[in-house]
Amino acid sequence: MSEQNKEPVLHNEVLEAAMKTFKADQTNENLVKIMTHLEKATVMQPAMIPGGVDQKEMQKLLEKGKGGAASVKLTGKMQPRPIILKNDKGEQFFAVFTGQPQIPGNQKYPAMLFLPFKECSKMAVREELKLTGVVLNPFTDNLVIHKVALEMMNRKDVQISSEDKIARDVLSKRFYEDRQGFMDRIGSEKEAFAFACYREAWLKERGNGTAFPYRQEDFGVIALNISDTLHMARIGLAEGGAVKGLCLSVFCCYNPRSGEGIYYLIIKGAPKQKNKLLTVDEQGVCAEIGEAPDEGSELYDLMGWVPWAEAEG
């Protein structure tokens, strides 16, 4: 019986090490590793007891729970509600901890939830909560995972448009499978090649009997051979078509000398929020990097984001 009230033991050492590595070296690869570990992690989420609870009951709860340091079974009106943090910009987040050592000794919480991070992420994307995302270990690492990345993590449970699926999965795979060939074709055929890629993927998913809702002129392509180590292509996605997705554009970056490549997505931000920049790696793992560059300066800003640029500099 005593085991039922025993605090769960968390084993997030590998995740915490990945977070420290990212803090020292904020590369796309290190961020992807964090997102991969989070998918399997169990975390601690501080919570409050709803109003209307008898104060004597509350005091007993605090004493028994030791300010959140020990687990307590709560039901009914005592069921806790996750605490929401707000930053100086007015953005709201769930606070999540990877372990007790990440919480300062003088920081007390009425209750503590132990749950899989994926369950926390599903709550965080609920529209009625109006959250910007989740902040991991706010007193130590203070790592923000934005709502767009949480939605991507839950992509198996959240329906996304065919356009977004093509941009995230199909086009990125085609790029990584033949980087030189892809860049040669997008550079020479431009909108015609983008149109053909989307149409082929659309009909493969939905069947030849369905009408493809876009025209070639709904796509916009810019291809630049910036240097002998950097070729870039921007594909503006069908914003003028009959169906609109969240993905605004994709950027393919290629190093002809080494064969390296990286694939970026720019996704519409939430209302009154900036657009988000994401990346997809060779394994198809999609991860958020942060806020997207301002419209019109994406190509210039992303030149400095390519992973080989700093090494060559």
C-alpha atoms as a PDB file:
ATOM      1  CA  MET A   1       0.000   0.000   0.000  1.00  0.00           C
ATOM      2  CA  SER A   2       2.817   2.385   0.804  1.00  0.00           C
ATOM      3  CA  GLU A   3       4.081   2.104  -2.773  1.00  0.00           C
ATOM      4  CA  GLN A   4       0.884   3.773  -4.055  1.00  0.00           C
ATOM      5  CA  ASN A   5       1.864   7.094  -2.461  1.00  0.00           C
ATOM      6  CA  LYS A   6       5.526   6.874  -3.377  1.00  0.00           C
ATOM      7  CA  GLU A   7       6.790   9.662  -5.595  1.00  0.00           C
ATOM      8  CA  PRO A   8       7.616   8.392  -9.088  1.00  0.00           C
ATOM      9  CA  VAL A   9      11.299   8.171  -9.934  1.00  0.00           C
ATOM     10  CA  LEU A  10      12.152  10.142 -13.060  1.00  0.00           C
ATOM     11  CA  HIS A  11      14.996   9.128 -15.324  1.00  0.00           C
ATOM     12  CA  ASN A  12      15.624  12.158 -17.518  1.00  0.00           C
ATOM     13  CA  GLU A  13      19.393  12.226 -17.304  1.00  0.00           C
ATOM     14  CA  VAL A  14      19.861  11.846 -21.063  1.00  0.00           C
ATOM     15  CA  LEU A  15      17.277  14.581 -21.748  1.00  0.00           C
ATOM     16  CA  GLU A  16      18.933  16.930 -19.235  1.00  0.00           C
ATOM     17  CA  ALA A  17      22.337  16.279 -20.799  1.00  0.00           C
ATOM     18  CA  ALA A  18      20.886  17.072 -24.240  1.00  0.00           C
ATOM     19  CA  MET A  19      19.466  20.345 -22.871  1.00  0.00           C
ATOM     20  CA  LYS A  20      22.860  21.348 -21.461  1.00  0.00           C
ATOM     21  CA  THR A  21      24.509  20.510 -24.778  1.00  0.00           C
ATOM     22  CA  PHE A  22      21.968  22.685 -26.610  1.00  0.00           C
ATOM     23  CA  LYS A  23      22.517  25.565 -24.174  1.00  0.00           C
ATOM     24  CA  ALA A  24      26.234  25.517 -25.042  1.00  0.00           C
ATOM     25  CA  ASP A  25      25.782  24.807 -28.756  1.00  0.00           C
ATOM     26  CA  GLN A  26      22.374  25.861 -30.101  1.00  0.00           C
ATOM     27  CA  THR A  27      22.368  23.910 -33.354  1.00  0.00           C
ATOM     28  CA  ASN A  28      19.379  22.400 -35.119  1.00  0.00           C
ATOM     29  CA  GLU A  29      20.766  18.908 -34.542  1.00  0.00           C
ATOM     30  CA  ASN A  30      20.947  19.421 -30.778  1.00  0.00           C
ATOM     31  CA  LEU A  31      17.396  20.782 -30.687  1.00  0.00           C
ATOM     32  CA  VAL A  32      16.092  17.761 -32.592  1.00  0.00           C
ATOM     33  CA  LYS A  33      17.694  15.490 -29.984  1.00  0.00           C
ATOM     34  CA  ILE A  34      15.814  17.298 -27.204  1.00  0.00           C
ATOM     35  CA  MET A  35      12.482  16.904 -29.004  1.00  0.00           C
ATOM     36  CA  THR A  36      13.165  13.200 -29.568  1.00  0.00           C
ATOM     37  CA  HIS A  37      13.883  12.620 -25.858  1.00  0.00           C
ATOM     38  CA  LEU A  38      10.830  14.640 -24.800  1.00  0.00           C
ATOM     39  CA  GLU A  39       8.521  12.346 -26.750  1.00  0.00           C
ATOM     40  CA  LYS A  40       9.392   9.547 -24.306  1.00  0.00           C
ATOM     41  CA  ALA A  41       9.939  11.570 -21.107  1.00  0.00           C
ATOM     42  CA  THR A  42       7.891  11.688 -17.905  1.00  0.00           C
ATOM     43  CA  VAL A  43       8.012  15.135 -16.284  1.00  0.00           C
ATOM     44  CA  MET A  44       6.805  17.110 -13.270  1.00  0.00           C
ATOM     45  CA  GLN A  45       4.177  19.805 -13.743  1.00  0.00           C
ATOM     46  CA  PRO A  46       3.295  22.136 -10.839  1.00  0.00           C
ATOM     47  CA  ALA A  47      -0.404  22.671 -10.195  1.00  0.00           C
ATOM     48  CA  MET A  48      -2.869  24.618  -8.061  1.00  0.00           C
ATOM     49  CA  ILE A  49      -5.997  23.506  -6.215  1.00  0.00           C
ATOM     50  CA  PRO A  50      -9.214  25.106  -7.552  1.00  0.00           C
ATOM     51  CA  GLY A  51     -10.856  27.875  -5.537  1.00  0.00           C
ATOM     52  CA  GLY A  52     -13.603  27.012  -3.071  1.00  0.00           C
ATOM     53  CA  VAL A  53     -11.583  24.355  -1.290  1.00  0.00           C
ATOM     54  CA  ASP A  54     -11.814  24.495   2.500  1.00  0.00           C
ATOM     55  CA  GLN A  55      -8.730  26.205   3.923  1.00  0.00           C
ATOM     56  CA  LYS A  56      -8.226  23.543   6.595  1.00  0.00           C
ATOM     57  CA  GLU A  57      -8.267  20.895   3.893  1.00  0.00           C
ATOM     58  CA  MET A  58      -5.790  22.980   1.926  1.00  0.00           C
ATOM     59  CA  GLN A  59      -3.447  23.255   4.905  1.00  0.00           C
ATOM     60  CA  LYS A  60      -3.528  19.505   5.462  1.00  0.00           C
ATOM     61  CA  LEU A  61      -2.819  19.047   1.761  1.00  0.00           C
ATOM     62  CA  LEU A  62       0.185  21.376   1.879  1.00  0.00           C
ATOM     63  CA  GLU A  63       1.585  19.607   4.929  1.00  0.00           C
ATOM     64  CA  LYS A  64       1.100  16.171   3.398  1.00  0.00           C
ATOM     65  CA  GLY A  65       2.447  17.203   0.004  1.00  0.00           C
ATOM     66  CA  LYS A  66       5.386  19.143   1.488  1.00  0.00           C
ATOM     67  CA  GLY A  67       4.819  21.984  -0.957  1.00  0.00           C
ATOM     68  CA  GLY A  68       4.899  19.692  -3.966  1.00  0.00           C
ATOM     69  CA  ALA A  69       7.937  17.693  -2.854  1.00  0.00           C
ATOM     70  CA  ALA A  70       5.830  14.565  -2.276  1.00  0.00           C
ATOM     71  CA  SER A  71       3.007  13.026  -4.287  1.00  0.00           C
ATOM     72  CA  VAL A  72      -0.593  13.195  -3.029  1.00  0.00           C
ATOM     73  CA  LYS A  73      -3.652  11.553  -4.593  1.00  0.00           C
ATOM     74  CA  LEU A  74      -6.315  14.168  -5.359  1.00  0.00           C
ATOM     75  CA  THR A  75      -9.836  13.680  -6.704  1.00  0.00           C
ATOM     76  CA  GLY A  76     -13.075  15.585  -7.298  1.00  0.00           C
ATOM     77  CA  LYS A  77     -13.020  19.256  -6.356  1.00  0.00           C
ATOM     78  CA  MET A  78      -9.446  18.855  -5.138  1.00  0.00           C
ATOM     79  CA  GLN A  79      -8.248  17.874  -8.622  1.00  0.00           C
ATOM     80  CA  PRO A  80      -5.289  20.169  -9.388  1.00  0.00           C
ATOM     81  CA  ARG A  81      -5.042  22.550 -12.342  1.00  0.00           C
ATOM     82  CA  PRO A  82      -1.655  23.110 -14.072  1.00  0.00           C
ATOM     83  CA  ILE A  83       0.020  26.381 -13.159  1.00  0.00           C
ATOM     84  CA  ILE A  84       0.431  28.879 -16.007  1.00  0.00           C
ATOM     85  CA  LEU A  85       3.410  31.258 -16.133  1.00  0.00           C
ATOM     86  CA  LYS A  86       3.351  34.620 -17.915  1.00  0.00           C
ATOM     87  CA  ASN A  87       6.410  36.467 -19.207  1.00  0.00           C
ATOM     88  CA  ASP A  88       6.915  40.223 -19.602  1.00  0.00           C
ATOM     89  CA  LYS A  89       5.484  40.042 -23.152  1.00  0.00           C
ATOM     90  CA  GLY A  90       2.214  38.632 -21.857  1.00  0.00           C
ATOM     91  CA  GLU A  91       2.914  35.186 -23.324  1.00  0.00           C
ATOM     92  CA  GLN A  92       1.641  32.256 -21.259  1.00  0.00           C
ATOM     93  CA  PHE A  93       3.331  28.885 -20.720  1.00  0.00           C
ATOM     94  CA  PHE A  94       3.002  25.649 -18.807  1.00  0.00           C
ATOM     95  CA  ALA A  95       5.955  25.142 -16.468  1.00  0.00           C
ATOM     96  CA  VAL A  96       7.517  21.675 -16.618  1.00  0.00           C
ATOM     97  CA  PHE A  97      10.436  20.174 -14.695  1.00  0.00           C
ATOM     98  CA  THR A  98      12.584  17.200 -15.623  1.00  0.00           C
ATOM     99  CA  GLY A  99      13.296  16.382 -11.965  1.00  0.00           C
ATOM    100  CA  GLN A 100      13.147  17.634  -8.369  1.00  0.00           C
ATOM    101  CA  PRO A 101      16.726  19.052  -8.415  1.00  0.00           C
ATOM    102  CA  GLN A 102      15.578  21.558 -11.063  1.00  0.00           C
ATOM    103  CA  ILE A 103      13.228  23.227  -8.532  1.00  0.00           C
ATOM    104  CA  PRO A 104      14.786  25.651  -6.003  1.00  0.00           C
ATOM    105  CA  GLY A 105      14.341  24.590  -2.391  1.00  0.00           C
ATOM    106  CA  ASN A 106      12.431  27.770  -1.528  1.00  0.00           C
ATOM    107  CA  GLN A 107       9.975  27.330  -4.425  1.00  0.00           C
ATOM    108  CA  LYS A 108       6.822  25.616  -3.128  1.00  0.00           C
ATOM    109  CA  TYR A 109       3.810  24.389  -5.084  1.00  0.00           C
ATOM    110  CA  PRO A 110       0.436  23.203  -3.727  1.00  0.00           C
ATOM    111  CA  ALA A 111       0.588  20.068  -5.881  1.00  0.00           C
ATOM    112  CA  MET A 112       2.786  18.346  -8.428  1.00  0.00           C
ATOM    113  CA  LEU A 113       1.625  16.293 -11.395  1.00  0.00           C
ATOM    114  CA  PHE A 114       3.774  13.474 -12.754  1.00  0.00           C
ATOM    115  CA  LEU A 115       2.853  12.756 -16.371  1.00  0.00           C
ATOM    116  CA  PRO A 116       4.296  11.910 -19.805  1.00  0.00           C
ATOM    117  CA  PHE A 117       5.471  15.045 -21.573  1.00  0.00           C
ATOM    118  CA  LYS A 118       3.313  14.146 -24.590  1.00  0.00           C
ATOM    119  CA  GLU A 119       0.205  14.397 -22.374  1.00  0.00           C
ATOM    120  CA  CYS A 120       1.369  17.819 -21.196  1.00  0.00           C
ATOM    121  CA  SER A 121       1.934  18.860 -24.812  1.00  0.00           C
ATOM    122  CA  LYS A 122      -1.589  17.797 -25.766  1.00  0.00           C
ATOM    123  CA  MET A 123      -3.010  20.023 -23.024  1.00  0.00           C
ATOM    124  CA  ALA A 124      -0.752  22.927 -23.969  1.00  0.00           C
ATOM    125  CA  VAL A 125      -2.064  23.122 -27.552  1.00  0.00           C
ATOM    126  CA  ARG A 126      -5.721  23.391 -26.518  1.00  0.00           C
ATOM    127  CA  GLU A 127      -7.024  26.623 -28.051  1.00  0.00           C
ATOM    128  CA  GLU A 128      -9.047  27.719 -25.012  1.00  0.00           C
ATOM    129  CA  LEU A 129      -5.895  27.916 -22.859  1.00  0.00           C
ATOM    130  CA  LYS A 130      -4.267  30.446 -25.227  1.00  0.00           C
ATOM    131  CA  LEU A 131      -0.742  29.268 -24.371  1.00  0.00           C
ATOM    132  CA  THR A 132       2.399  30.128 -26.305  1.00  0.00           C
ATOM    133  CA  GLY A 133       4.011  26.843 -25.319  1.00  0.00           C
ATOM    134  CA  VAL A 134       5.861  25.032 -22.524  1.00  0.00           C
ATOM    135  CA  VAL A 135       8.948  26.172 -20.617  1.00  0.00           C
ATOM    136  CA  LEU A 136      11.289  23.426 -19.405  1.00  0.00           C
ATOM    137  CA  ASN A 137      13.047  23.920 -16.061  1.00  0.00           C
ATOM    138  CA  PRO A 138      12.281  27.663 -15.844  1.00  0.00           C
ATOM    139  CA  PHE A 139      14.712  28.239 -12.935  1.00  0.00           C
ATOM    140  CA  THR A 140      17.685  26.538 -14.599  1.00  0.00           C
ATOM    141  CA  ASP A 141      17.563  25.739 -18.323  1.00  0.00           C
ATOM    142  CA  ASN A 142      14.572  28.001 -19.090  1.00  0.00           C
ATOM    143  CA  LEU A 143      14.089  26.290 -22.472  1.00  0.00           C
ATOM    144  CA  VAL A 144      10.903  27.285 -24.333  1.00  0.00           C
ATOM    145  CA  ILE A 145       9.115  24.788 -26.593  1.00  0.00           C
ATOM    146  CA  HIS A 146       6.598  26.750 -28.659  1.00  0.00           C
ATOM    147  CA  LYS A 147       3.095  25.618 -29.528  1.00  0.00           C
ATOM    148  CA  VAL A 148       3.946  24.932 -33.169  1.00  0.00           C
ATOM    149  CA  ALA A 149       6.627  22.418 -32.123  1.00  0.00           C
ATOM    150  CA  LEU A 150       4.198  20.774 -29.685  1.00  0.00           C
ATOM    151  CA  GLU A 151       1.656  20.400 -32.468  1.00  0.00           C
ATOM    152  CA  MET A 152       4.325  18.831 -34.658  1.00  0.00           C
ATOM    153  CA  MET A 153       5.172  16.410 -31.854  1.00  0.00           C
ATOM    154  CA  ASN A 154       1.510  15.407 -31.725  1.00  0.00           C
ATOM    155  CA  ARG A 155       1.194  15.239 -35.495  1.00  0.00           C
ATOM    156  CA  LYS A 156      -0.046  11.640 -35.335  1.00  0.00           C
ATOM    157  CA  ASP A 157      -3.023  12.812 -33.274  1.00  0.00           C
ATOM    158  CA  VAL A 158      -3.583  16.237 -34.853  1.00  0.00           C
ATOM    159  CA  GLN A 159      -4.792  16.361 -38.436  1.00  0.00           C
ATOM    160  CA  ILE A 160      -2.744  18.596 -40.700  1.00  0.00           C
ATOM    161  CA  SER A 161      -3.542  19.743 -44.200  1.00  0.00           C
ATOM    162  CA  SER A 162      -2.269  17.868 -47.231  1.00  0.00           C
ATOM    163  CA  GLU A 163      -0.231  20.934 -48.218  1.00  0.00           C
ATOM    164  CA  ASP A 164       1.577  20.999 -44.867  1.00  0.00           C
ATOM    165  CA  LYS A 165       2.207  17.257 -44.994  1.00  0.00           C
ATOM    166  CA  ILE A 166       3.712  17.570 -48.467  1.00  0.00           C
ATOM    167  CA  ALA A 167       5.937  20.469 -47.387  1.00  0.00           C
ATOM    168  CA  ARG A 168       7.087  18.783 -44.187  1.00  0.00           C
ATOM    169  CA  ASP A 169       7.446  15.163 -45.277  1.00  0.00           C
ATOM    170  CA  VAL A 170       7.381  14.667 -49.048  1.00  0.00           C
ATOM    171  CA  LEU A 171       9.352  17.650 -50.316  1.00  0.00           C
ATOM    172  CA  SER A 172      12.016  17.373 -47.601  1.00  0.00           C
ATOM    173  CA  LYS A 173      12.498  13.659 -48.343  1.00  0.00           C
ATOM    174  CA  ARG A 174      12.843  14.381 -52.052  1.00  0.00           C
ATOM    175  CA  PHE A 175      15.443  17.062 -51.309  1.00  0.00           C
ATOM    176  CA  TYR A 176      17.554  14.867 -49.007  1.00  0.00           C
ATOM    177  CA  GLU A 177      17.443  11.847 -51.329  1.00  0.00           C
ATOM    178  CA  ASP A 178      19.058  13.779 -54.212  1.00  0.00           C
ATOM    179  CA  ARG A 179      20.207  17.218 -53.107  1.00  0.00           C
ATOM    180  CA  GLN A 180      22.162  18.064 -56.247  1.00  0.00           C
ATOM    181  CA  GLY A 181      19.410  16.837 -58.583  1.00  0.00           C
ATOM    182  CA  PHE A 182      16.690  18.609 -56.606  1.00  0.00           C
ATOM    183  CA  MET A 183      18.553  21.929 -56.618  1.00  0.00           C
ATOM    184  CA  ASP A 184      19.354  21.625 -60.335  1.00  0.00           C
ATOM    185  CA  ARG A 185      15.686  21.075 -61.191  1.00  0.00           C
ATOM    186  CA  ILE A 186      14.245  23.744 -58.911  1.00  0.00           C
ATOM    187  CA  GLY A 187      16.811  26.164 -60.333  1.00  0.00           C
ATOM    188  CA  SER A 188      16.008  25.432 -63.969  1.00  0.00           C
ATOM    189  CA  GLU A 189      12.295  24.582 -63.860  1.00  0.00           C
ATOM    190  CA  LYS A 190      11.276  26.759 -60.875  1.00  0.00           C
ATOM    191  CA  GLU A 191       7.467  26.976 -60.417  1.00  0.00           C
ATOM    192  CA  ALA A 192       6.854  24.140 -62.880  1.00  0.00           C
ATOM    193  CA  PHE A 193       8.951  21.760 -60.771  1.00  0.00           C
ATOM    194  CA  ALA A 194       7.314  22.844 -57.475  1.00  0.00           C
ATOM    195  CA  PHE A 195       3.868  22.422 -59.043  1.00  0.00           C
ATOM    196  CA  ALA A 196       4.772  18.942 -60.333  1.00  0.00           C
ATOM    197  CA  CYS A 197       6.105  17.827 -56.929  1.00  0.00           C
ATOM    198  CA  TYR A 198       2.969  18.942 -55.116  1.00  0.00           C
ATOM    199  CA  ARG A 199       0.588  17.548 -57.695  1.00  0.00           C
ATOM    200  CA  GLU A 200       2.304  14.148 -57.688  1.00  0.00           C
ATOM    201  CA  ALA A 201       2.258  13.938 -53.857  1.00  0.00           C
ATOM    202  CA  TRP A 202      -1.354  15.177 -53.656  1.00  0.00           C
ATOM    203  CA  LEU A 203      -2.665  12.580 -56.129  1.00  0.00           C
ATOM    204  CA  LYS A 204      -0.613   9.807 -54.507  1.00  0.00           C
ATOM    205  CA  GLU A 205      -2.243  10.529 -51.137  1.00  0.00           C
ATOM    206  CA  ARG A 206      -5.785  11.290 -52.279  1.00  0.00           C
ATOM    207  CA  GLY A 207      -6.075   9.275 -55.467  1.00  0.00           C
ATOM    208  CA  ASN A 208      -6.226  10.206 -59.145  1.00  0.00           C
ATOM    209  CA  GLY A 209      -9.954  10.855 -58.916  1.00  0.00           C
ATOM    210  CA  THR A 210      -9.485  13.968 -56.766  1.00  0.00           C
ATOM    211  CA  ALA A 211      -8.923  17.416 -58.235  1.00  0.00           C
ATOM    212  CA  PHE A 212      -5.645  19.150 -57.400  1.00  0.00           C
ATOM    213  CA  PRO A 213      -6.747  22.615 -56.156  1.00  0.00           C
ATOM    214  CA  TYR A 214      -3.715  24.633 -57.254  1.00  0.00           C
ATOM    215  CA  ARG A 215      -2.322  26.191 -60.400  1.00  0.00           C
ATOM    216  CA  GLN A 216       1.315  26.612 -61.317  1.00  0.00           C
ATOM    217  CA  GLU A 217       1.037  30.352 -60.716  1.00  0.00           C
ATOM    218  CA  ASP A 218       0.055  29.686 -57.093  1.00  0.00           C
ATOM    219  CA  PHE A 219       3.723  28.812 -56.429  1.00  0.00           C
ATOM    220  CA  GLY A 220       6.642  31.213 -56.268  1.00  0.00           C
ATOM    221  CA  VAL A 221      10.273  30.066 -56.515  1.00  0.00           C
ATOM    222  CA  ILE A 222      13.529  31.946 -55.969  1.00  0.00           C
ATOM    223  CA  ALA A 223      16.767  30.025 -56.639  1.00  0.00           C
ATOM    224  CA  LEU A 224      20.164  31.571 -55.906  1.00  0.00           C
ATOM    225  CA  ASN A 225      23.720  30.275 -56.296  1.00  0.00           C
ATOM    226  CA  ILE A 226      25.159  32.488 -53.599  1.00  0.00           C
ATOM    227  CA  SER A 227      28.667  30.982 -53.514  1.00  0.00           C
ATOM    228  CA  ASP A 228      30.524  27.799 -54.346  1.00  0.00           C
ATOM    229  CA  THR A 229      29.472  26.449 -50.936  1.00  0.00           C
ATOM    230  CA  LEU A 230      25.894  27.719 -50.712  1.00  0.00           C
ATOM    231  CA  HIS A 231      22.987  27.312 -53.112  1.00  0.00           C
ATOM    232  CA  MET A 232      19.538  28.253 -51.784  1.00  0.00           C
ATOM    233  CA  ALA A 233      15.994  27.885 -53.044  1.00  0.00           C
ATOM    234  CA  ARG A 234      12.823  29.382 -51.616  1.00  0.00           C
ATOM    235  CA  ILE A 235       9.480  27.798 -52.521  1.00  0.00           C
ATOM    236  CA  GLY A 236       6.516  30.004 -51.663  1.00  0.00           C
ATOM    237  CA  LEU A 237       3.500  27.789 -51.071  1.00  0.00           C
ATOM    238  CA  ALA A 238       0.059  28.048 -52.573  1.00  0.00           C
ATOM    239  CA  GLU A 239      -1.412  30.883 -50.503  1.00  0.00           C
ATOM    240  CA  GLY A 240      -3.690  31.817 -53.386  1.00  0.00           C
ATOM    241  CA  GLY A 241      -5.151  28.346 -53.798  1.00  0.00           C
ATOM    242  CA  ALA A 242      -8.484  26.939 -52.719  1.00  0.00           C
ATOM    243  CA  VAL A 243      -7.084  25.340 -49.536  1.00  0.00           C
ATOM    244  CA  LYS A 244      -4.542  27.070 -47.299  1.00  0.00           C
ATOM    245  CA  GLY A 245      -2.144  25.289 -44.967  1.00  0.00           C
ATOM    246  CA  LEU A 246      -0.020  26.647 -42.137  1.00  0.00           C
ATOM    247  CA  CYS A 247       3.241  26.379 -44.075  1.00  0.00           C
ATOM    248  CA  LEU A 248       4.101  29.638 -45.840  1.00  0.00           C
ATOM    249  CA  SER A 249       7.379  28.673 -47.477  1.00  0.00           C
ATOM    250  CA  VAL A 250      10.250  26.201 -47.518  1.00  0.00           C
ATOM    251  CA  PHE A 251      13.971  26.882 -47.936  1.00  0.00           C
ATOM    252  CA  CYS A 252      16.425  24.339 -49.311  1.00  0.00           C
ATOM    253  CA  CYS A 253      20.102  25.035 -48.562  1.00  0.00           C
ATOM    254  CA  TYR A 254      22.829  23.026 -50.297  1.00  0.00           C
ATOM    255  CA  ASN A 255      26.614  22.966 -50.210  1.00  0.00           C
ATOM    256  CA  PRO A 256      27.808  21.753 -53.660  1.00  0.00           C
ATOM    257  CA  ARG A 257      31.346  21.324 -52.399  1.00  0.00           C
ATOM    258  CA  SER A 258      30.594  19.004 -49.433  1.00  0.00           C
ATOM    259  CA  GLY A 259      27.138  17.708 -50.356  1.00  0.00           C
ATOM    260  CA  GLU A 260      25.638  18.985 -47.066  1.00  0.00           C
ATOM    261  CA  GLY A 261      22.070  20.202 -47.002  1.00  0.00           C
ATOM    262  CA  ILE A 262      19.442  21.563 -44.637  1.00  0.00           C
ATOM    263  CA  TYR A 263      15.709  22.076 -45.051  1.00  0.00           C
ATOM    264  CA  TYR A 264      13.703  24.837 -43.350  1.00  0.00           C
ATOM    265  CA  LEU A 265       9.972  25.527 -42.994  1.00  0.00           C
ATOM    266  CA  ILE A 266       8.274  28.795 -42.101  1.00  0.00           C
ATOM    267  CA  ILE A 267       4.906  28.241 -40.413  1.00  0.00           C
ATOM    268  CA  LYS A 268       2.154  30.757 -39.687  1.00  0.00           C
ATOM    269  CA  GLY A 269       2.256  31.930 -36.102  1.00  0.00           C
ATOM    270  CA  ALA A 270      -0.733  32.086 -33.795  1.00  0.00           C
ATOM    271  CA  PRO A 271      -2.847  35.277 -33.877  1.00  0.00           C
ATOM    272  CA  LYS A 272      -0.722  38.285 -32.878  1.00  0.00           C
ATOM    273  CA  GLN A 273       2.374  36.034 -32.794  1.00  0.00           C
ATOM    274  CA  LYS A 274       5.334  35.979 -35.175  1.00  0.00           C
ATOM    275  CA  ASN A 275       5.731  33.173 -37.684  1.00  0.00           C
ATOM    276  CA  LYS A 276       7.831  30.175 -36.621  1.00  0.00           C
ATOM    277  CA  LEU A 277      10.970  28.702 -38.161  1.00  0.00           C
ATOM    278  CA  LEU A 278      11.316  24.904 -38.197  1.00  0.00           C
ATOM    279  CA  THR A 279      13.736  22.431 -39.688  1.00  0.00           C
ATOM    280  CA  VAL A 280      13.374  18.882 -40.975  1.00  0.00           C
ATOM    281  CA  ASP A 281      16.371  16.525 -40.827  1.00  0.00           C
ATOM    282  CA  GLU A 282      17.310  13.564 -43.025  1.00  0.00           C
ATOM    283  CA  GLN A 283      15.309  11.183 -40.805  1.00  0.00           C
ATOM    284  CA  GLY A 284      12.167  13.283 -41.273  1.00  0.00           C
ATOM    285  CA  VAL A 285      12.216  14.656 -37.711  1.00  0.00           C
ATOM    286  CA  CYS A 286      10.716  18.152 -37.597  1.00  0.00           C
ATOM    287  CA  ALA A 287      11.730  20.566 -34.829  1.00  0.00           C
ATOM    288  CA  GLU A 288      11.078  24.228 -34.094  1.00  0.00           C
ATOM    289  CA  ILE A 289      14.059  26.581 -33.996  1.00  0.00           C
ATOM    290  CA  GLY A 290      12.333  29.800 -32.941  1.00  0.00           C
ATOM    291  CA  GLU A 291      10.776  32.877 -34.500  1.00  0.00           C
ATOM    292  CA  ALA A 292      11.028  33.139 -38.278  1.00  0.00           C
ATOM    293  CA  PRO A 293      12.915  36.017 -39.914  1.00  0.00           C
ATOM    294  CA  ASP A 294      10.798  38.956 -40.989  1.00  0.00           C
ATOM    295  CA  GLU A 295       9.087  38.593 -44.349  1.00  0.00           C
ATOM    296  CA  GLY A 296      11.380  39.762 -47.124  1.00  0.00           C
ATOM    297  CA  SER A 297      14.596  39.094 -45.201  1.00  0.00           C
ATOM    298  CA  GLU A 298      14.309  35.311 -44.870  1.00  0.00           C
ATOM    299  CA  LEU A 299      16.939  34.443 -47.473  1.00  0.00           C
ATOM    300  CA  TYR A 300      19.484  36.871 -46.057  1.00  0.00           C
ATOM    301  CA  ASP A 301      18.914  35.789 -42.451  1.00  0.00           C
ATOM    302  CA  LEU A 302      18.941  32.061 -43.206  1.00  0.00           C
ATOM    303  CA  MET A 303      22.308  32.356 -44.946  1.00  0.00           C
ATOM    304  CA  GLY A 304      23.800  32.663 -41.460  1.00  0.00           C
ATOM    305  CA  TRP A 305      21.845  29.709 -40.092  1.00  0.00           C
ATOM    306  CA  VAL A 306      23.302  27.014 -42.356  1.00  0.00           C
ATOM    307  CA  PRO A 307      25.378  24.696 -40.136  1.00  0.00           C
ATOM    308  CA  TRP A 308      28.525  24.820 -42.291  1.00  0.00           C
ATOM    309  CA  ALA A 309      28.636  28.640 -42.520  1.00  0.00           C
ATOM    310  CA  GLU A 310      30.273  29.160 -39.114  1.00  0.00           C
ATOM    311  CA  ALA A 311      32.834  26.408 -39.690  1.00  0.00           C
ATOM    312  CA  GLU A 312      33.881  27.971 -42.981  1.00  0.00           C
ATOM    313  CA  GLY A 313      33.924  31.450 -41.490  1.00  0.00           C
END
